[in-house]
Amino acid sequence: MTPAAEPELYKDKIEVSLDGRQIFYLFFGGAVVACLVFVLGVMVGRRLEARAHVDRAAVTSTKKDPLAALDRLAEGKGELTYPAALRSASAPVADVDRALGAVIEPGPPVVAKPVDRAVDKAADKAAADKAAADKAAADKAAREKADKAAADKAAADKAAADKAAADKAKAAAAEPDRGADKDKGADKGVRARFTLQLSAFQDQGEAEAFLATVKKAGYAAYVVSAEVEGKGTFYRVRLGNYVTYDEAVAAKAEFERKVPKIAYVTRL
């Protein structure tokens, strides 16, 4: 073996070849380690913050509790004792004040306000009585309003009924007796020769119904029956008896002007 070939024996050839799965595992493992480091840092930070809060709370409590303040002054001496200025009964008051001045902060005296239960009960009763009185007043006002409305309606209905009755009586007094012209020639002793025929029916019921409408209009109409050769019985609705044809025509014009029906002048 030649000397030039000896160094080749101690050389190692290193080749690194990673496929996709190995790369993913390396990345996932690094992410898990980073998350663990982050969680650990958060926990340590919270622990330190909680300890700081406890220390601040202890300092605050010593400002409010003299015994706690004395205990904190005695920390680090092996036992809980009061300051030396308080051990001697003959210690000046100024020394005691200096010993406790840094930890005791006098505050305003707290005066408890007495609770007067009787006053509270009286106030509640007064409020309940006022609410009941207000409700009773509102109910009374509502009843009075309803009674007034009913009385006004009754008065209005009575007034309307009285007015209608008065108008009807006035109209009846002013309406001429339209049946008076039924026989204008009777006072003269002359026989009537004309009349007004309003309609004719072969059914007596229809004739009676038509007669009722004419009488309702204020005219003294009547029904007469007559036999018509080859047609049977007819029921004729007629109005008035007149001596002359002119009287019958005048009555026809007046009737048709006041009643929406047609009349015919016919001989008796």
Protein backbone atom coordinates (compact mmCIF):
# COMPACT_ATOMS: atom_id res chain seq x y z
CA MET A 1 0.00 0.00 0.00
CA THR A 2 1.40 3.31 -1.05
CA PRO A 3 1.58 6.30 1.31
CA ALA A 4 -0.78 8.31 -0.92
CA ALA A 5 -3.50 5.68 -0.53
CA GLU A 6 -3.45 5.65 3.33
CA PRO A 7 -5.42 8.96 3.84
CA GLU A 8 -8.21 7.61 1.70
CA LEU A 9 -8.88 4.92 4.26
CA TYR A 10 -9.84 7.49 6.98
CA LYS A 11 -12.18 9.53 4.88
CA ASP A 12 -15.95 8.90 5.23
CA LYS A 13 -18.35 9.86 2.61
CA ILE A 14 -21.59 11.26 4.19
CA GLU A 15 -24.64 11.63 2.11
CA VAL A 16 -27.94 12.93 3.53
CA SER A 17 -31.06 12.08 1.60
CA LEU A 18 -34.53 12.87 3.09
CA ASP A 19 -37.82 12.01 1.49
CA GLY A 20 -41.10 13.99 1.89
CA ARG A 21 -42.38 12.01 4.89
CA GLN A 22 -39.21 12.59 6.89
CA ILE A 23 -39.33 16.30 6.15
CA PHE A 24 -42.96 16.44 7.42
CA TYR A 25 -42.04 14.62 10.66
CA LEU A 26 -39.16 17.01 11.28
CA PHE A 27 -41.42 20.02 10.74
CA PHE A 28 -44.18 18.60 12.97
CA GLY A 29 -41.72 17.78 15.77
CA GLY A 30 -40.28 21.29 15.63
CA ALA A 31 -43.79 22.79 15.86
CA VAL A 32 -44.62 20.65 18.92
CA VAL A 33 -41.40 21.70 20.65
CA ALA A 34 -42.16 25.38 19.92
CA CYS A 35 -45.67 25.01 21.37
CA LEU A 36 -44.35 23.39 24.53
CA VAL A 37 -41.81 26.18 24.98
CA PHE A 38 -44.56 28.78 24.51
CA VAL A 39 -46.90 27.12 27.06
CA LEU A 40 -44.08 26.81 29.56
CA GLY A 41 -43.25 30.49 29.15
CA VAL A 42 -46.90 31.47 29.70
CA MET A 43 -47.12 29.37 32.88
CA VAL A 44 -43.91 30.84 34.29
CA GLY A 45 -45.11 34.36 33.49
CA ARG A 46 -48.43 33.79 35.24
CA ARG A 47 -46.68 32.36 38.29
CA LEU A 48 -44.44 35.41 38.53
CA GLU A 49 -47.40 37.77 38.07
CA ALA A 50 -49.42 35.96 40.78
CA ARG A 51 -46.49 36.23 43.20
CA ALA A 52 -46.21 39.95 42.48
CA HIS A 53 -49.94 40.36 43.20
CA VAL A 54 -49.56 38.49 46.50
CA ASP A 55 -46.69 40.76 47.53
CA ARG A 56 -48.66 43.88 46.68
CA ALA A 57 -51.70 42.55 48.54
CA ALA A 58 -49.56 41.85 51.60
CA VAL A 59 -48.15 45.40 51.53
CA THR A 60 -51.65 46.82 51.17
CA SER A 61 -52.97 44.70 54.02
CA THR A 62 -50.22 45.92 56.30
CA LYS A 63 -51.41 49.47 55.74
CA LYS A 64 -54.83 48.47 57.04
CA ASP A 65 -53.92 45.89 59.68
CA PRO A 66 -51.42 47.07 62.36
CA LEU A 67 -50.75 43.52 63.57
CA ALA A 68 -49.89 42.37 60.06
CA ALA A 69 -47.58 45.36 59.74
CA LEU A 70 -45.79 44.44 62.95
CA ASP A 71 -45.48 40.84 61.76
CA ARG A 72 -43.90 41.98 58.49
CA LEU A 73 -41.45 44.17 60.42
CA ALA A 74 -40.44 41.11 62.39
CA GLU A 75 -39.84 38.94 59.33
CA GLY A 76 -36.24 37.77 58.95
CA LYS A 77 -35.49 37.83 62.73
CA GLY A 78 -36.44 34.22 63.38
CA GLU A 79 -39.57 35.01 65.41
CA LEU A 80 -42.58 37.29 65.23
CA THR A 81 -41.99 40.11 67.71
CA TYR A 82 -42.98 43.71 68.10
CA PRO A 83 -40.47 46.48 67.41
CA ALA A 84 -38.11 47.33 70.22
CA ALA A 85 -39.85 50.66 70.71
CA LEU A 86 -42.97 48.81 71.86
CA ARG A 87 -41.25 46.36 74.26
CA SER A 88 -40.66 48.95 76.96
CA ALA A 89 -43.64 50.31 78.81
CA SER A 90 -41.75 53.56 79.35
CA ALA A 91 -41.14 54.15 75.63
CA PRO A 92 -42.24 57.60 74.54
CA VAL A 93 -45.38 57.85 72.46
CA ALA A 94 -43.34 59.52 69.69
CA ASP A 95 -41.19 56.38 69.35
CA VAL A 96 -44.28 54.24 69.03
CA ASP A 97 -45.70 56.57 66.41
CA ARG A 98 -42.44 56.44 64.45
CA ALA A 99 -42.44 52.66 64.62
CA LEU A 100 -45.97 52.33 63.36
CA GLY A 101 -46.24 55.48 61.27
CA ALA A 102 -44.93 53.83 58.10
CA VAL A 103 -47.45 50.99 58.25
CA ILE A 104 -50.54 52.48 59.86
CA GLU A 105 -52.59 54.98 57.94
CA PRO A 106 -55.43 56.41 59.99
CA GLY A 107 -58.66 56.69 58.11
CA PRO A 108 -61.92 58.46 58.74
CA PRO A 109 -64.08 56.80 61.37
CA VAL A 110 -66.83 54.64 59.98
CA VAL A 111 -70.18 55.42 61.52
CA ALA A 112 -72.84 52.79 60.92
CA LYS A 113 -76.12 54.29 59.95
CA PRO A 114 -78.92 52.85 62.05
CA VAL A 115 -81.62 51.13 60.07
CA ASP A 116 -85.08 52.28 60.99
CA ARG A 117 -87.34 49.39 60.08
CA ALA A 118 -90.44 51.22 61.27
CA VAL A 119 -89.81 54.10 58.86
CA ASP A 120 -89.34 51.68 55.95
CA LYS A 121 -92.59 49.87 56.77
CA ALA A 122 -94.46 53.15 57.08
CA ALA A 123 -93.11 54.31 53.71
CA ASP A 124 -94.14 51.03 52.05
CA LYS A 125 -97.63 51.27 53.54
CA ALA A 126 -97.99 54.87 52.37
CA ALA A 127 -96.92 53.91 48.84
CA ALA A 128 -99.40 51.00 48.78
CA ASP A 129 -102.23 53.23 50.06
CA LYS A 130 -101.44 55.86 47.41
CA ALA A 131 -101.45 53.24 44.63
CA ALA A 132 -104.80 51.85 45.84
CA ALA A 133 -106.29 55.36 46.04
CA ASP A 134 -105.07 56.19 42.52
CA LYS A 135 -106.58 52.96 41.15
CA ALA A 136 -109.91 53.62 42.88
CA ALA A 137 -109.98 57.18 41.50
CA ALA A 138 -109.23 55.92 37.97
CA ASP A 139 -111.98 53.26 38.22
CA LYS A 140 -114.49 55.84 39.46
CA ALA A 141 -113.62 58.23 36.64
CA ALA A 142 -114.04 55.42 34.09
CA ARG A 143 -117.46 54.49 35.53
CA GLU A 144 -118.61 58.11 35.52
CA LYS A 145 -117.47 58.51 31.91
CA ALA A 146 -119.36 55.35 30.85
CA ASP A 147 -122.51 56.47 32.71
CA LYS A 148 -122.35 59.90 31.08
CA ALA A 149 -121.92 58.35 27.63
CA ALA A 150 -124.94 56.07 28.22
CA ALA A 151 -127.05 58.99 29.48
CA ASP A 152 -126.07 61.13 26.46
CA LYS A 153 -126.98 58.29 24.08
CA ALA A 154 -130.34 57.75 25.77
CA ALA A 155 -131.08 61.49 25.61
CA ALA A 156 -130.09 61.63 21.94
CA ASP A 157 -132.27 58.61 21.12
CA LYS A 158 -135.25 60.13 22.97
CA ALA A 159 -134.78 63.46 21.21
CA ALA A 160 -134.60 61.73 17.82
CA ALA A 161 -137.73 59.70 18.57
CA ASP A 162 -139.62 62.80 19.74
CA LYS A 163 -138.57 64.71 16.63
CA ALA A 164 -139.62 61.85 14.35
CA ALA A 165 -143.02 61.64 16.07
CA ALA A 166 -143.49 65.41 15.80
CA ASP A 167 -142.53 65.41 12.12
CA LYS A 168 -144.93 62.56 11.42
CA ALA A 169 -147.78 64.34 13.21
CA LYS A 170 -147.01 67.57 11.38
CA ALA A 171 -146.95 65.79 8.02
CA ALA A 172 -150.23 64.05 8.79
CA ALA A 173 -151.84 67.37 9.74
CA ALA A 174 -150.58 69.10 6.59
CA GLU A 175 -151.43 66.20 4.21
CA PRO A 176 -154.73 66.78 2.40
CA ASP A 177 -157.36 64.08 2.41
CA ARG A 178 -156.68 62.55 -0.98
CA GLY A 179 -159.75 60.35 -0.62
CA ALA A 180 -161.98 63.39 -0.49
CA ASP A 181 -161.97 63.60 -4.26
CA LYS A 182 -163.37 60.09 -4.50
CA ASP A 183 -166.72 61.46 -5.33
CA LYS A 184 -166.58 65.23 -5.97
CA GLY A 185 -169.98 65.25 -7.62
CA ALA A 186 -171.78 63.78 -4.61
CA ASP A 187 -172.36 67.15 -2.97
CA LYS A 188 -173.92 68.38 -6.18
CA GLY A 189 -176.21 65.40 -6.53
CA VAL A 190 -174.58 64.53 -9.86
CA ARG A 191 -173.57 60.98 -10.71
CA ALA A 192 -169.78 60.42 -11.23
CA ARG A 193 -168.85 59.11 -14.66
CA PHE A 194 -165.00 58.82 -14.60
CA THR A 195 -162.34 57.21 -12.41
CA LEU A 196 -158.57 56.54 -12.45
CA GLN A 197 -157.50 52.97 -13.13
CA LEU A 198 -154.00 52.33 -11.77
CA SER A 199 -153.53 48.68 -12.77
CA ALA A 200 -155.30 45.35 -13.38
CA PHE A 201 -154.35 41.80 -12.32
CA GLN A 202 -155.74 38.33 -12.89
CA ASP A 203 -154.41 37.30 -9.45
CA GLN A 204 -156.24 38.80 -6.51
CA GLY A 205 -153.18 38.60 -4.25
CA GLU A 206 -151.12 40.71 -6.63
CA ALA A 207 -153.96 43.22 -6.82
CA GLU A 208 -154.14 43.47 -3.01
CA ALA A 209 -150.36 43.96 -2.79
CA PHE A 210 -150.45 46.77 -5.34
CA LEU A 211 -153.39 48.34 -3.50
CA ALA A 212 -151.38 48.33 -0.26
CA THR A 213 -148.55 50.31 -1.89
CA VAL A 214 -151.00 52.94 -3.15
CA LYS A 215 -152.71 53.25 0.24
CA LYS A 216 -149.31 53.58 1.88
CA ALA A 217 -148.73 56.65 -0.30
CA GLY A 218 -151.89 58.20 1.25
CA TYR A 219 -154.49 57.55 -1.47
CA ALA A 220 -157.86 55.84 -0.86
CA ALA A 221 -157.68 53.36 -3.73
CA TYR A 222 -159.94 50.30 -4.04
CA VAL A 223 -160.20 47.02 -5.97
CA VAL A 224 -163.10 45.97 -8.20
CA SER A 225 -163.46 42.68 -10.03
CA ALA A 226 -164.80 42.29 -13.55
CA GLU A 227 -165.40 39.38 -15.90
CA VAL A 228 -163.73 39.75 -19.27
CA GLU A 229 -165.13 37.53 -22.01
CA GLY A 230 -162.64 34.91 -23.06
CA LYS A 231 -160.03 36.01 -20.47
CA GLY A 232 -161.59 35.38 -17.10
CA THR A 233 -161.78 37.57 -14.01
CA PHE A 234 -159.65 40.71 -13.68
CA TYR A 235 -159.01 42.61 -10.44
CA ARG A 236 -158.75 46.33 -11.18
CA VAL A 237 -157.13 48.83 -8.80
CA ARG A 238 -158.91 52.19 -9.12
CA LEU A 239 -158.81 55.62 -7.47
CA GLY A 240 -161.54 58.31 -7.15
CA ASN A 241 -164.85 59.08 -8.87
CA TYR A 242 -165.12 62.21 -11.01
CA VAL A 243 -168.10 63.90 -12.70
CA THR A 244 -166.18 65.41 -15.60
CA TYR A 245 -163.31 64.25 -17.70
CA ASP A 246 -161.28 67.39 -16.86
CA GLU A 247 -161.51 66.64 -13.14
CA ALA A 248 -160.26 63.12 -13.78
CA VAL A 249 -157.34 64.39 -15.90
CA ALA A 250 -156.36 66.90 -13.18
CA ALA A 251 -156.44 64.15 -10.55
CA LYS A 252 -154.33 61.92 -12.81
CA ALA A 253 -151.66 64.64 -13.19
CA GLU A 254 -151.53 65.26 -9.43
CA PHE A 255 -151.29 61.53 -8.69
CA GLU A 256 -148.48 60.88 -11.19
CA ARG A 257 -146.57 63.94 -9.88
CA LYS A 258 -146.55 62.62 -6.30
CA VAL A 259 -146.48 58.86 -6.89
CA PRO A 260 -144.19 57.16 -9.45
CA LYS A 261 -147.06 55.23 -11.05
CA ILE A 262 -149.13 55.68 -14.22
CA ALA A 263 -152.90 56.26 -14.00
CA TYR A 264 -155.50 55.93 -16.76
CA VAL A 265 -158.78 57.88 -17.00
CA THR A 266 -161.61 55.44 -17.61
CA ARG A 267 -165.41 55.51 -17.55
CA LEU A 268 -167.42 53.93 -14.78
